[in-house]
Amino acid sequence: MRNFVIAALVGSTLLWAAAPPWEKNHLQIGQSLYRANCIVCHDIDRPQSESKKFGPSFYQLFKRDKMPLAAMKPSRDYIKIRIKFGGAIMPAFAKKLNDGEIDTLLDYLQSK
């Protein structure tokens, strides 16, 4: 009985140590949103110098000191506004993506 209790405690601890399945799915959903909406213009796996895409590269975006086309540190709020309302060339996605989807997309970009 004692071994069973110890095994149960160890097993439950290991389950909590691993990332929950919904977190993995969350990033997969973010990746799908990126592929469906952003990949045409933005790279995420190559730096700007190696990218052949029209828009700036998102490669390690949140690890940079400044954003590709702005002299400011990357901010979720700023990028969320850009996604929703677009920019000079970038189209707006407010009618295509809701706030939850944009947050999921930003979580994926931040994980890269």
PDB file of N, CA and C in Angstrom:
ATOM      1  N   MET A   1       0.830  -1.191   0.000  1.00  0.00           N
ATOM      2  CA  MET A   1       0.000   0.000   0.000  1.00  0.00           C
ATOM      3  C   MET A   1       0.871   1.250   0.000  1.00  0.00           C
ATOM      4  N   ARG A   2       1.928   1.236   0.799  1.00  0.00           N
ATOM      5  CA  ARG A   2       2.808   2.400   0.885  1.00  0.00           C
ATOM      6  C   ARG A   2       3.435   2.699  -0.477  1.00  0.00           C
ATOM      7  N   ASN A   3       3.887   1.671  -1.189  1.00  0.00           N
ATOM      8  CA  ASN A   3       4.478   1.855  -2.520  1.00  0.00           C
ATOM      9  C   ASN A   3       3.463   2.427  -3.499  1.00  0.00           C
ATOM     10  N   PHE A   4       2.211   2.008  -3.363  1.00  0.00           N
ATOM     11  CA  PHE A   4       1.160   2.522  -4.229  1.00  0.00           C
ATOM     12  C   PHE A   4       0.964   4.022  -4.001  1.00  0.00           C
ATOM     13  N   VAL A   5       0.934   4.460  -2.758  1.00  0.00           N
ATOM     14  CA  VAL A   5       0.754   5.878  -2.422  1.00  0.00           C
ATOM     15  C   VAL A   5       1.927   6.697  -2.944  1.00  0.00           C
ATOM     16  N   ILE A   6       3.146   6.189  -2.761  1.00  0.00           N
ATOM     17  CA  ILE A   6       4.327   6.902  -3.261  1.00  0.00           C
ATOM     18  C   ILE A   6       4.282   7.007  -4.778  1.00  0.00           C
ATOM     19  N   ALA A   7       3.936   5.903  -5.433  1.00  0.00           N
ATOM     20  CA  ALA A   7       3.844   5.912  -6.899  1.00  0.00           C
ATOM     21  C   ALA A   7       2.780   6.897  -7.366  1.00  0.00           C
ATOM     22  N   ALA A   8       1.670   6.954  -6.665  1.00  0.00           N
ATOM     23  CA  ALA A   8       0.595   7.885  -7.035  1.00  0.00           C
ATOM     24  C   ALA A   8       1.059   9.334  -6.869  1.00  0.00           C
ATOM     25  N   LEU A   9       1.756   9.630  -5.796  1.00  0.00           N
ATOM     26  CA  LEU A   9       2.260  10.988  -5.574  1.00  0.00           C
ATOM     27  C   LEU A   9       3.295  11.382  -6.621  1.00  0.00           C
ATOM     28  N   VAL A  10       4.209  10.474  -6.928  1.00  0.00           N
ATOM     29  CA  VAL A  10       5.223  10.755  -7.946  1.00  0.00           C
ATOM     30  C   VAL A  10       4.565  10.948  -9.300  1.00  0.00           C
ATOM     31  N   GLY A  11       3.611  10.088  -9.629  1.00  0.00           N
ATOM     32  CA  GLY A  11       2.907  10.199 -10.910  1.00  0.00           C
ATOM     33  C   GLY A  11       2.164  11.503 -11.051  1.00  0.00           C
ATOM     34  N   SER A  12       1.491  11.926  -9.989  1.00  0.00           N
ATOM     35  CA  SER A  12       0.750  13.186 -10.075  1.00  0.00           C
ATOM     36  C   SER A  12       1.702  14.376 -10.164  1.00  0.00           C
ATOM     37  N   THR A  13       2.863  14.285  -9.510  1.00  0.00           N
ATOM     38  CA  THR A  13       3.858  15.356  -9.598  1.00  0.00           C
ATOM     39  C   THR A  13       4.397  15.462 -11.013  1.00  0.00           C
ATOM     40  N   LEU A  14       4.646  14.332 -11.642  1.00  0.00           N
ATOM     41  CA  LEU A  14       5.146  14.345 -13.023  1.00  0.00           C
ATOM     42  C   LEU A  14       4.113  14.932 -13.969  1.00  0.00           C
ATOM     43  N   LEU A  15       2.852  14.654 -13.732  1.00  0.00           N
ATOM     44  CA  LEU A  15       1.808  15.217 -14.591  1.00  0.00           C
ATOM     45  C   LEU A  15       1.789  16.738 -14.503  1.00  0.00           C
ATOM     46  N   TRP A  16       1.974  17.285 -13.302  1.00  0.00           N
ATOM     47  CA  TRP A  16       1.963  18.729 -13.142  1.00  0.00           C
ATOM     48  C   TRP A  16       3.223  19.373 -13.701  1.00  0.00           C
ATOM     49  N   ALA A  17       4.330  18.623 -13.743  1.00  0.00           N
ATOM     50  CA  ALA A  17       5.586  19.178 -14.253  1.00  0.00           C
ATOM     51  C   ALA A  17       5.539  19.366 -15.761  1.00  0.00           C
ATOM     52  N   ALA A  18       4.836  18.495 -16.458  1.00  0.00           N
ATOM     53  CA  ALA A  18       4.727  18.601 -17.917  1.00  0.00           C
ATOM     54  C   ALA A  18       3.733  19.705 -18.267  1.00  0.00           C
ATOM     55  N   ALA A  19       3.928  20.306 -19.427  1.00  0.00           N
ATOM     56  CA  ALA A  19       2.993  21.341 -19.882  1.00  0.00           C
ATOM     57  C   ALA A  19       1.637  20.702 -20.137  1.00  0.00           C
ATOM     58  N   PRO A  20       0.579  21.347 -19.695  1.00  0.00           N
ATOM     59  CA  PRO A  20      -0.749  20.785 -19.924  1.00  0.00           C
ATOM     60  C   PRO A  20      -1.071  20.749 -21.417  1.00  0.00           C
ATOM     61  N   PRO A  21      -1.857  19.764 -21.828  1.00  0.00           N
ATOM     62  CA  PRO A  21      -2.145  19.616 -23.267  1.00  0.00           C
ATOM     63  C   PRO A  21      -2.769  20.853 -23.900  1.00  0.00           C
ATOM     64  N   TRP A  22      -3.611  21.573 -23.143  1.00  0.00           N
ATOM     65  CA  TRP A  22      -4.249  22.746 -23.731  1.00  0.00           C
ATOM     66  C   TRP A  22      -3.234  23.849 -24.017  1.00  0.00           C
ATOM     67  N   GLU A  23      -2.115  23.880 -23.290  1.00  0.00           N
ATOM     68  CA  GLU A  23      -1.077  24.874 -23.578  1.00  0.00           C
ATOM     69  C   GLU A  23      -0.380  24.542 -24.886  1.00  0.00           C
ATOM     70  N   LYS A  24      -0.102  23.259 -25.118  1.00  0.00           N
ATOM     71  CA  LYS A  24       0.506  22.842 -26.382  1.00  0.00           C
ATOM     72  C   LYS A  24      -0.448  23.138 -27.527  1.00  0.00           C
ATOM     73  N   ASN A  25      -1.725  22.815 -27.345  1.00  0.00           N
ATOM     74  CA  ASN A  25      -2.713  23.090 -28.378  1.00  0.00           C
ATOM     75  C   ASN A  25      -2.844  24.584 -28.627  1.00  0.00           C
ATOM     76  N   HIS A  26      -2.718  25.369 -27.574  1.00  0.00           N
ATOM     77  CA  HIS A  26      -2.813  26.824 -27.686  1.00  0.00           C
ATOM     78  C   HIS A  26      -1.753  27.364 -28.662  1.00  0.00           C
ATOM     79  N   LEU A  27      -0.514  26.890 -28.524  1.00  0.00           N
ATOM     80  CA  LEU A  27       0.554  27.337 -29.424  1.00  0.00           C
ATOM     81  C   LEU A  27       0.369  26.777 -30.831  1.00  0.00           C
ATOM     82  N   GLN A  28      -0.191  25.583 -30.944  1.00  0.00           N
ATOM     83  CA  GLN A  28      -0.478  25.033 -32.275  1.00  0.00           C
ATOM     84  C   GLN A  28      -1.558  25.855 -32.975  1.00  0.00           C
ATOM     85  N   ILE A  29      -2.531  26.307 -32.221  1.00  0.00           N
ATOM     86  CA  ILE A  29      -3.569  27.177 -32.787  1.00  0.00           C
ATOM     87  C   ILE A  29      -2.943  28.493 -33.226  1.00  0.00           C
ATOM     88  N   GLY A  30      -2.046  29.044 -32.402  1.00  0.00           N
ATOM     89  CA  GLY A  30      -1.338  30.273 -32.774  1.00  0.00           C
ATOM     90  C   GLY A  30      -0.527  30.086 -34.047  1.00  0.00           C
ATOM     91  N   GLN A  31       0.124  28.938 -34.163  1.00  0.00           N
ATOM     92  CA  GLN A  31       0.896  28.641 -35.371  1.00  0.00           C
ATOM     93  C   GLN A  31      -0.034  28.565 -36.584  1.00  0.00           C
ATOM     94  N   SER A  32      -1.195  27.951 -36.419  1.00  0.00           N
ATOM     95  CA  SER A  32      -2.165  27.869 -37.520  1.00  0.00           C
ATOM     96  C   SER A  32      -2.656  29.254 -37.927  1.00  0.00           C
ATOM     97  N   LEU A  33      -2.900  30.115 -36.935  1.00  0.00           N
ATOM     98  CA  LEU A  33      -3.315  31.486 -37.247  1.00  0.00           C
ATOM     99  C   LEU A  33      -2.216  32.230 -37.988  1.00  0.00           C
ATOM    100  N   TYR A  34      -0.977  32.038 -37.563  1.00  0.00           N
ATOM    101  CA  TYR A  34       0.168  32.656 -38.255  1.00  0.00           C
ATOM    102  C   TYR A  34       0.227  32.168 -39.701  1.00  0.00           C
ATOM    103  N   ARG A  35       0.109  30.863 -39.885  1.00  0.00           N
ATOM    104  CA  ARG A  35       0.193  30.298 -41.241  1.00  0.00           C
ATOM    105  C   ARG A  35      -0.952  30.750 -42.133  1.00  0.00           C
ATOM    106  N   ALA A  36      -2.124  30.940 -41.544  1.00  0.00           N
ATOM    107  CA  ALA A  36      -3.285  31.348 -42.333  1.00  0.00           C
ATOM    108  C   ALA A  36      -3.307  32.839 -42.655  1.00  0.00           C
ATOM    109  N   ASN A  37      -2.636  33.652 -41.824  1.00  0.00           N
ATOM    110  CA  ASN A  37      -2.789  35.100 -41.981  1.00  0.00           C
ATOM    111  C   ASN A  37      -1.497  35.882 -42.181  1.00  0.00           C
ATOM    112  N   CYS A  38      -0.370  35.368 -41.727  1.00  0.00           N
ATOM    113  CA  CYS A  38       0.845  36.179 -41.672  1.00  0.00           C
ATOM    114  C   CYS A  38       1.979  35.687 -42.568  1.00  0.00           C
ATOM    115  N   ILE A  39       2.027  34.394 -42.824  1.00  0.00           N
ATOM    116  CA  ILE A  39       3.185  33.791 -43.481  1.00  0.00           C
ATOM    117  C   ILE A  39       3.416  34.333 -44.896  1.00  0.00           C
ATOM    118  N   VAL A  40       2.386  34.837 -45.508  1.00  0.00           N
ATOM    119  CA  VAL A  40       2.534  35.371 -46.862  1.00  0.00           C
ATOM    120  C   VAL A  40       3.523  36.539 -46.882  1.00  0.00           C
ATOM    121  N   CYS A  41       3.479  37.373 -45.853  1.00  0.00           N
ATOM    122  CA  CYS A  41       4.321  38.574 -45.816  1.00  0.00           C
ATOM    123  C   CYS A  41       5.442  38.540 -44.777  1.00  0.00           C
ATOM    124  N   HIS A  42       5.300  37.716 -43.745  1.00  0.00           N
ATOM    125  CA  HIS A  42       6.246  37.750 -42.625  1.00  0.00           C
ATOM    126  C   HIS A  42       6.879  36.390 -42.384  1.00  0.00           C
ATOM    127  N   ASP A  43       8.199  36.392 -42.242  1.00  0.00           N
ATOM    128  CA  ASP A  43       8.949  35.191 -41.878  1.00  0.00           C
ATOM    129  C   ASP A  43       9.017  35.104 -40.367  1.00  0.00           C
ATOM    130  N   ILE A  44       9.138  33.900 -39.841  1.00  0.00           N
ATOM    131  CA  ILE A  44       9.304  33.743 -38.398  1.00  0.00           C
ATOM    132  C   ILE A  44      10.514  32.880 -38.075  1.00  0.00           C
ATOM    133  N   ASP A  45      11.027  32.164 -39.063  1.00  0.00           N
ATOM    134  CA  ASP A  45      12.147  31.243 -38.850  1.00  0.00           C
ATOM    135  C   ASP A  45      13.472  31.759 -39.390  1.00  0.00           C
ATOM    136  N   ARG A  46      13.466  32.938 -39.979  1.00  0.00           N
ATOM    137  CA  ARG A  46      14.691  33.517 -40.538  1.00  0.00           C
ATOM    138  C   ARG A  46      14.788  34.989 -40.161  1.00  0.00           C
ATOM    139  N   PRO A  47      16.010  35.458 -39.891  1.00  0.00           N
ATOM    140  CA  PRO A  47      16.176  36.891 -39.621  1.00  0.00           C
ATOM    141  C   PRO A  47      15.908  37.717 -40.885  1.00  0.00           C
ATOM    142  N   GLN A  48      15.705  38.986 -40.707  1.00  0.00           N
ATOM    143  CA  GLN A  48      15.389  39.883 -41.825  1.00  0.00           C
ATOM    144  C   GLN A  48      16.407  39.771 -42.950  1.00  0.00           C
ATOM    145  N   SER A  49      17.682  39.630 -42.607  1.00  0.00           N
ATOM    146  CA  SER A  49      18.737  39.569 -43.623  1.00  0.00           C
ATOM    147  C   SER A  49      18.619  38.337 -44.516  1.00  0.00           C
ATOM    148  N   GLU A  50      17.959  37.280 -44.035  1.00  0.00           N
ATOM    149  CA  GLU A  50      17.804  36.056 -44.819  1.00  0.00           C
ATOM    150  C   GLU A  50      16.402  35.886 -45.386  1.00  0.00           C
ATOM    151  N   SER A  51      15.476  36.717 -44.957  1.00  0.00           N
ATOM    152  CA  SER A  51      14.084  36.583 -45.357  1.00  0.00           C
ATOM    153  C   SER A  51      13.861  37.133 -46.758  1.00  0.00           C
ATOM    154  N   LYS A  52      12.993  36.483 -47.490  1.00  0.00           N
ATOM    155  CA  LYS A  52      12.625  36.967 -48.824  1.00  0.00           C
ATOM    156  C   LYS A  52      11.178  37.446 -48.845  1.00  0.00           C
ATOM    157  N   LYS A  53      10.622  37.635 -47.662  1.00  0.00           N
ATOM    158  CA  LYS A  53       9.233  38.085 -47.552  1.00  0.00           C
ATOM    159  C   LYS A  53       9.161  39.603 -47.646  1.00  0.00           C
ATOM    160  N   PHE A  54       7.994  40.093 -48.018  1.00  0.00           N
ATOM    161  CA  PHE A  54       7.773  41.524 -48.206  1.00  0.00           C
ATOM    162  C   PHE A  54       7.790  42.290 -46.882  1.00  0.00           C
ATOM    163  N   GLY A  55       7.161  41.736 -45.854  1.00  0.00           N
ATOM    164  CA  GLY A  55       7.082  42.412 -44.561  1.00  0.00           C
ATOM    165  C   GLY A  55       8.270  42.087 -43.677  1.00  0.00           C
ATOM    166  N   PRO A  56       8.386  42.774 -42.552  1.00  0.00           N
ATOM    167  CA  PRO A  56       9.504  42.512 -41.639  1.00  0.00           C
ATOM    168  C   PRO A  56       9.417  41.107 -41.041  1.00  0.00           C
ATOM    169  N   SER A  57      10.565  40.558 -40.717  1.00  0.00           N
ATOM    170  CA  SER A  57      10.638  39.228 -40.124  1.00  0.00           C
ATOM    171  C   SER A  57      10.238  39.281 -38.653  1.00  0.00           C
ATOM    172  N   PHE A  58       9.514  38.259 -38.206  1.00  0.00           N
ATOM    173  CA  PHE A  58       9.139  38.134 -36.804  1.00  0.00           C
ATOM    174  C   PHE A  58      10.108  37.237 -36.050  1.00  0.00           C
ATOM    175  N   TYR A  59      11.219  36.905 -36.679  1.00  0.00           N
ATOM    176  CA  TYR A  59      12.216  36.027 -36.065  1.00  0.00           C
ATOM    177  C   TYR A  59      12.709  36.629 -34.749  1.00  0.00           C
ATOM    178  N   GLN A  60      12.492  35.911 -33.656  1.00  0.00           N
ATOM    179  CA  GLN A  60      12.863  36.339 -32.306  1.00  0.00           C
ATOM    180  C   GLN A  60      12.402  37.766 -32.000  1.00  0.00           C
ATOM    181  N   LEU A  61      11.216  38.091 -32.433  1.00  0.00           N
ATOM    182  CA  LEU A  61      10.679  39.448 -32.316  1.00  0.00           C
ATOM    183  C   LEU A  61      10.708  39.984 -30.887  1.00  0.00           C
ATOM    184  N   PHE A  62      10.232  39.199 -29.924  1.00  0.00           N
ATOM    185  CA  PHE A  62      10.126  39.696 -28.552  1.00  0.00           C
ATOM    186  C   PHE A  62      11.448  39.611 -27.789  1.00  0.00           C
ATOM    187  N   LYS A  63      12.481  39.105 -28.425  1.00  0.00           N
ATOM    188  CA  LYS A  63      13.804  39.049 -27.797  1.00  0.00           C
ATOM    189  C   LYS A  63      14.687  40.209 -28.272  1.00  0.00           C
ATOM    190  N   ARG A  64      14.182  41.013 -29.171  1.00  0.00           N
ATOM    191  CA  ARG A  64      14.951  42.124 -29.731  1.00  0.00           C
ATOM    192  C   ARG A  64      14.857  43.368 -28.867  1.00  0.00           C
ATOM    193  N   ASP A  65      15.820  44.270 -29.078  1.00  0.00           N
ATOM    194  CA  ASP A  65      15.794  45.560 -28.392  1.00  0.00           C
ATOM    195  C   ASP A  65      14.828  46.528 -29.045  1.00  0.00           C
ATOM    196  N   LYS A  66      14.617  46.360 -30.370  1.00  0.00           N
ATOM    197  CA  LYS A  66      13.662  47.212 -31.071  1.00  0.00           C
ATOM    198  C   LYS A  66      13.000  46.420 -32.192  1.00  0.00           C
ATOM    199  N   MET A  67      11.837  46.888 -32.588  1.00  0.00           N
ATOM    200  CA  MET A  67      11.087  46.232 -33.659  1.00  0.00           C
ATOM    201  C   MET A  67      11.727  46.552 -35.003  1.00  0.00           C
ATOM    202  N   PRO A  68      11.439  45.722 -36.011  1.00  0.00           N
ATOM    203  CA  PRO A  68      12.093  45.912 -37.310  1.00  0.00           C
ATOM    204  C   PRO A  68      11.903  47.295 -37.938  1.00  0.00           C
ATOM    205  N   LEU A  69      10.711  47.851 -37.859  1.00  0.00           N
ATOM    206  CA  LEU A  69      10.453  49.126 -38.529  1.00  0.00           C
ATOM    207  C   LEU A  69      10.140  50.268 -37.565  1.00  0.00           C
ATOM    208  N   ALA A  70      10.396  50.054 -36.289  1.00  0.00           N
ATOM    209  CA  ALA A  70      10.148  51.098 -35.293  1.00  0.00           C
ATOM    210  C   ALA A  70      11.306  51.110 -34.300  1.00  0.00           C
ATOM    211  N   ALA A  71      11.600  52.265 -33.777  1.00  0.00           N
ATOM    212  CA  ALA A  71      12.718  52.412 -32.841  1.00  0.00           C
ATOM    213  C   ALA A  71      12.254  52.204 -31.405  1.00  0.00           C
ATOM    214  N   MET A  72      11.391  51.213 -31.194  1.00  0.00           N
ATOM    215  CA  MET A  72      10.910  50.934 -29.847  1.00  0.00           C
ATOM    216  C   MET A  72      10.955  49.445 -29.561  1.00  0.00           C
ATOM    217  N   LYS A  73      11.016  49.091 -28.295  1.00  0.00           N
ATOM    218  CA  LYS A  73      11.031  47.690 -27.885  1.00  0.00           C
ATOM    219  C   LYS A  73       9.703  47.047 -28.273  1.00  0.00           C
ATOM    220  N   PRO A  74       9.732  45.804 -28.748  1.00  0.00           N
ATOM    221  CA  PRO A  74       8.477  45.122 -29.100  1.00  0.00           C
ATOM    222  C   PRO A  74       7.515  45.064 -27.917  1.00  0.00           C
ATOM    223  N   SER A  75       6.289  45.390 -28.181  1.00  0.00           N
ATOM    224  CA  SER A  75       5.251  45.415 -27.155  1.00  0.00           C
ATOM    225  C   SER A  75       4.029  44.674 -27.688  1.00  0.00           C
ATOM    226  N   ARG A  76       3.458  43.818 -26.857  1.00  0.00           N
ATOM    227  CA  ARG A  76       2.254  43.083 -27.263  1.00  0.00           C
ATOM    228  C   ARG A  76       1.129  44.047 -27.640  1.00  0.00           C
ATOM    229  N   ASP A  77       0.974  45.105 -26.853  1.00  0.00           N
ATOM    230  CA  ASP A  77      -0.110  46.053 -27.116  1.00  0.00           C
ATOM    231  C   ASP A  77       0.054  46.731 -28.481  1.00  0.00           C
ATOM    232  N   TYR A  78       1.267  47.164 -28.784  1.00  0.00           N
ATOM    233  CA  TYR A  78       1.518  47.831 -30.062  1.00  0.00           C
ATOM    234  C   TYR A  78       1.289  46.863 -31.229  1.00  0.00           C
ATOM    235  N   ILE A  79       1.811  45.653 -31.106  1.00  0.00           N
ATOM    236  CA  ILE A  79       1.667  44.679 -32.184  1.00  0.00           C
ATOM    237  C   ILE A  79       0.202  44.282 -32.346  1.00  0.00           C
ATOM    238  N   LYS A  80      -0.520  44.178 -31.242  1.00  0.00           N
ATOM    239  CA  LYS A  80      -1.946  43.855 -31.311  1.00  0.00           C
ATOM    240  C   LYS A  80      -2.708  44.944 -32.074  1.00  0.00           C
ATOM    241  N   ILE A  81      -2.374  46.198 -31.810  1.00  0.00           N
ATOM    242  CA  ILE A  81      -3.020  47.308 -32.533  1.00  0.00           C
ATOM    243  C   ILE A  81      -2.686  47.236 -34.020  1.00  0.00           C
ATOM    244  N   ARG A  82      -1.422  46.927 -34.344  1.00  0.00           N
ATOM    245  CA  ARG A  82      -1.023  46.798 -35.754  1.00  0.00           C
ATOM    246  C   ARG A  82      -1.784  45.669 -36.439  1.00  0.00           C
ATOM    247  N   ILE A  83      -1.954  44.558 -35.741  1.00  0.00           N
ATOM    248  CA  ILE A  83      -2.693  43.437 -36.328  1.00  0.00           C
ATOM    249  C   ILE A  83      -4.148  43.838 -36.549  1.00  0.00           C
ATOM    250  N   LYS A  84      -4.748  44.471 -35.569  1.00  0.00           N
ATOM    251  CA  LYS A  84      -6.161  44.839 -35.676  1.00  0.00           C
ATOM    252  C   LYS A  84      -6.422  45.892 -36.744  1.00  0.00           C
ATOM    253  N   PHE A  85      -5.589  46.943 -36.758  1.00  0.00           N
ATOM    254  CA  PHE A  85      -5.898  48.100 -37.605  1.00  0.00           C
ATOM    255  C   PHE A  85      -4.951  48.285 -38.786  1.00  0.00           C
ATOM    256  N   GLY A  86      -3.931  47.432 -38.891  1.00  0.00           N
ATOM    257  CA  GLY A  86      -3.017  47.501 -40.022  1.00  0.00           C
ATOM    258  C   GLY A  86      -2.041  48.654 -39.924  1.00  0.00           C
ATOM    259  N   GLY A  87      -1.372  48.890 -41.033  1.00  0.00           N
ATOM    260  CA  GLY A  87      -0.377  49.954 -41.100  1.00  0.00           C
ATOM    261  C   GLY A  87      -0.365  50.538 -42.490  1.00  0.00           C
ATOM    262  N   ALA A  88       0.737  51.147 -42.864  1.00  0.00           N
ATOM    263  CA  ALA A  88       0.844  51.792 -44.173  1.00  0.00           C
ATOM    264  C   ALA A  88       0.572  50.790 -45.301  1.00  0.00           C
ATOM    265  N   ILE A  89       1.151  49.616 -45.209  1.00  0.00           N
ATOM    266  CA  ILE A  89       0.976  48.595 -46.244  1.00  0.00           C
ATOM    267  C   ILE A  89       0.217  47.390 -45.710  1.00  0.00           C
ATOM    268  N   MET A  90       0.349  47.142 -44.419  1.00  0.00           N
ATOM    269  CA  MET A  90      -0.273  45.969 -43.814  1.00  0.00           C
ATOM    270  C   MET A  90      -1.787  46.129 -43.712  1.00  0.00           C
ATOM    271  N   PRO A  91      -2.525  45.100 -44.123  1.00  0.00           N
ATOM    272  CA  PRO A  91      -3.987  45.175 -44.004  1.00  0.00           C
ATOM    273  C   PRO A  91      -4.437  45.011 -42.550  1.00  0.00           C
ATOM    274  N   ALA A  92      -5.630  45.478 -42.259  1.00  0.00           N
ATOM    275  CA  ALA A  92      -6.225  45.320 -40.931  1.00  0.00           C
ATOM    276  C   ALA A  92      -6.875  43.937 -40.825  1.00  0.00           C
ATOM    277  N   PHE A  93      -6.772  43.330 -39.651  1.00  0.00           N
ATOM    278  CA  PHE A  93      -7.350  42.008 -39.431  1.00  0.00           C
ATOM    279  C   PHE A  93      -8.465  42.035 -38.393  1.00  0.00           C
ATOM    280  N   ALA A  94      -8.937  43.218 -37.992  1.00  0.00           N
ATOM    281  CA  ALA A  94      -9.967  43.341 -36.959  1.00  0.00           C
ATOM    282  C   ALA A  94     -11.252  42.615 -37.335  1.00  0.00           C
ATOM    283  N   LYS A  95     -11.584  42.565 -38.610  1.00  0.00           N
ATOM    284  CA  LYS A  95     -12.803  41.887 -39.042  1.00  0.00           C
ATOM    285  C   LYS A  95     -12.592  40.391 -39.259  1.00  0.00           C
ATOM    286  N   LYS A  96     -11.334  39.984 -39.325  1.00  0.00           N
ATOM    287  CA  LYS A  96     -11.030  38.572 -39.578  1.00  0.00           C
ATOM    288  C   LYS A  96     -10.658  37.816 -38.303  1.00  0.00           C
ATOM    289  N   LEU A  97      -9.957  38.467 -37.378  1.00  0.00           N
ATOM    290  CA  LEU A  97      -9.496  37.835 -36.138  1.00  0.00           C
ATOM    291  C   LEU A  97     -10.077  38.563 -34.928  1.00  0.00           C
ATOM    292  N   ASN A  98     -10.584  37.794 -33.972  1.00  0.00           N
ATOM    293  CA  ASN A  98     -11.080  38.429 -32.742  1.00  0.00           C
ATOM    294  C   ASN A  98      -9.924  38.607 -31.760  1.00  0.00           C
ATOM    295  N   ASP A  99     -10.180  39.266 -30.641  1.00  0.00           N
ATOM    296  CA  ASP A  99      -9.126  39.556 -29.662  1.00  0.00           C
ATOM    297  C   ASP A  99      -8.474  38.285 -29.130  1.00  0.00           C
ATOM    298  N   GLY A 100      -9.257  37.254 -28.879  1.00  0.00           N
ATOM    299  CA  GLY A 100      -8.710  35.998 -28.388  1.00  0.00           C
ATOM    300  C   GLY A 100      -7.768  35.355 -29.392  1.00  0.00           C
ATOM    301  N   GLU A 101      -8.139  35.383 -30.659  1.00  0.00           N
ATOM    302  CA  GLU A 101      -7.283  34.825 -31.707  1.00  0.00           C
ATOM    303  C   GLU A 101      -5.997  35.637 -31.846  1.00  0.00           C
ATOM    304  N   ILE A 102      -6.108  36.941 -31.756  1.00  0.00           N
ATOM    305  CA  ILE A 102      -4.912  37.788 -31.837  1.00  0.00           C
ATOM    306  C   ILE A 102      -3.989  37.503 -30.653  1.00  0.00           C
ATOM    307  N   ASP A 103      -4.555  37.340 -29.469  1.00  0.00           N
ATOM    308  CA  ASP A 103      -3.736  37.007 -28.296  1.00  0.00           C
ATOM    309  C   ASP A 103      -3.048  35.648 -28.470  1.00  0.00           C
ATOM    310  N   THR A 104      -3.757  34.688 -29.030  1.00  0.00           N
ATOM    311  CA  THR A 104      -3.175  33.366 -29.288  1.00  0.00           C
ATOM    312  C   THR A 104      -2.056  33.475 -30.311  1.00  0.00           C
ATOM    313  N   LEU A 105      -2.260  34.267 -31.342  1.00  0.00           N
ATOM    314  CA  LEU A 105      -1.226  34.507 -32.346  1.00  0.00           C
ATOM    315  C   LEU A 105      -0.010  35.167 -31.703  1.00  0.00           C
ATOM    316  N   LEU A 106      -0.240  36.144 -30.849  1.00  0.00           N
ATOM    317  CA  LEU A 106       0.879  36.816 -30.156  1.00  0.00           C
ATOM    318  C   LEU A 106       1.616  35.863 -29.218  1.00  0.00           C
ATOM    319  N   ASP A 107       0.895  34.965 -28.576  1.00  0.00           N
ATOM    320  CA  ASP A 107       1.548  33.960 -27.726  1.00  0.00           C
ATOM    321  C   ASP A 107       2.490  33.093 -28.561  1.00  0.00           C
ATOM    322  N   TYR A 108       2.039  32.723 -29.755  1.00  0.00           N
ATOM    323  CA  TYR A 108       2.881  31.924 -30.642  1.00  0.00           C
ATOM    324  C   TYR A 108       4.110  32.729 -31.068  1.00  0.00           C
ATOM    325  N   LEU A 109       3.917  33.976 -31.483  1.00  0.00           N
ATOM    326  CA  LEU A 109       5.059  34.800 -31.893  1.00  0.00           C
ATOM    327  C   LEU A 109       6.037  34.971 -30.733  1.00  0.00           C
ATOM    328  N   GLN A 110       5.520  35.126 -29.539  1.00  0.00           N
ATOM    329  CA  GLN A 110       6.373  35.313 -28.370  1.00  0.00           C
ATOM    330  C   GLN A 110       7.128  34.031 -28.012  1.00  0.00           C
ATOM    331  N   SER A 111       6.600  32.884 -28.396  1.00  0.00           N
ATOM    332  CA  SER A 111       7.259  31.608 -28.091  1.00  0.00           C
ATOM    333  C   SER A 111       8.429  31.317 -29.035  1.00  0.00           C
ATOM    334  N   LYS A 112       8.518  32.048 -30.115  1.00  0.00           N
ATOM    335  CA  LYS A 112       9.570  31.799 -31.122  1.00  0.00           C
ATOM    336  C   LYS A 112      10.829  32.571 -30.810  1.00  0.00           C
TER     337      LYS A 112
END
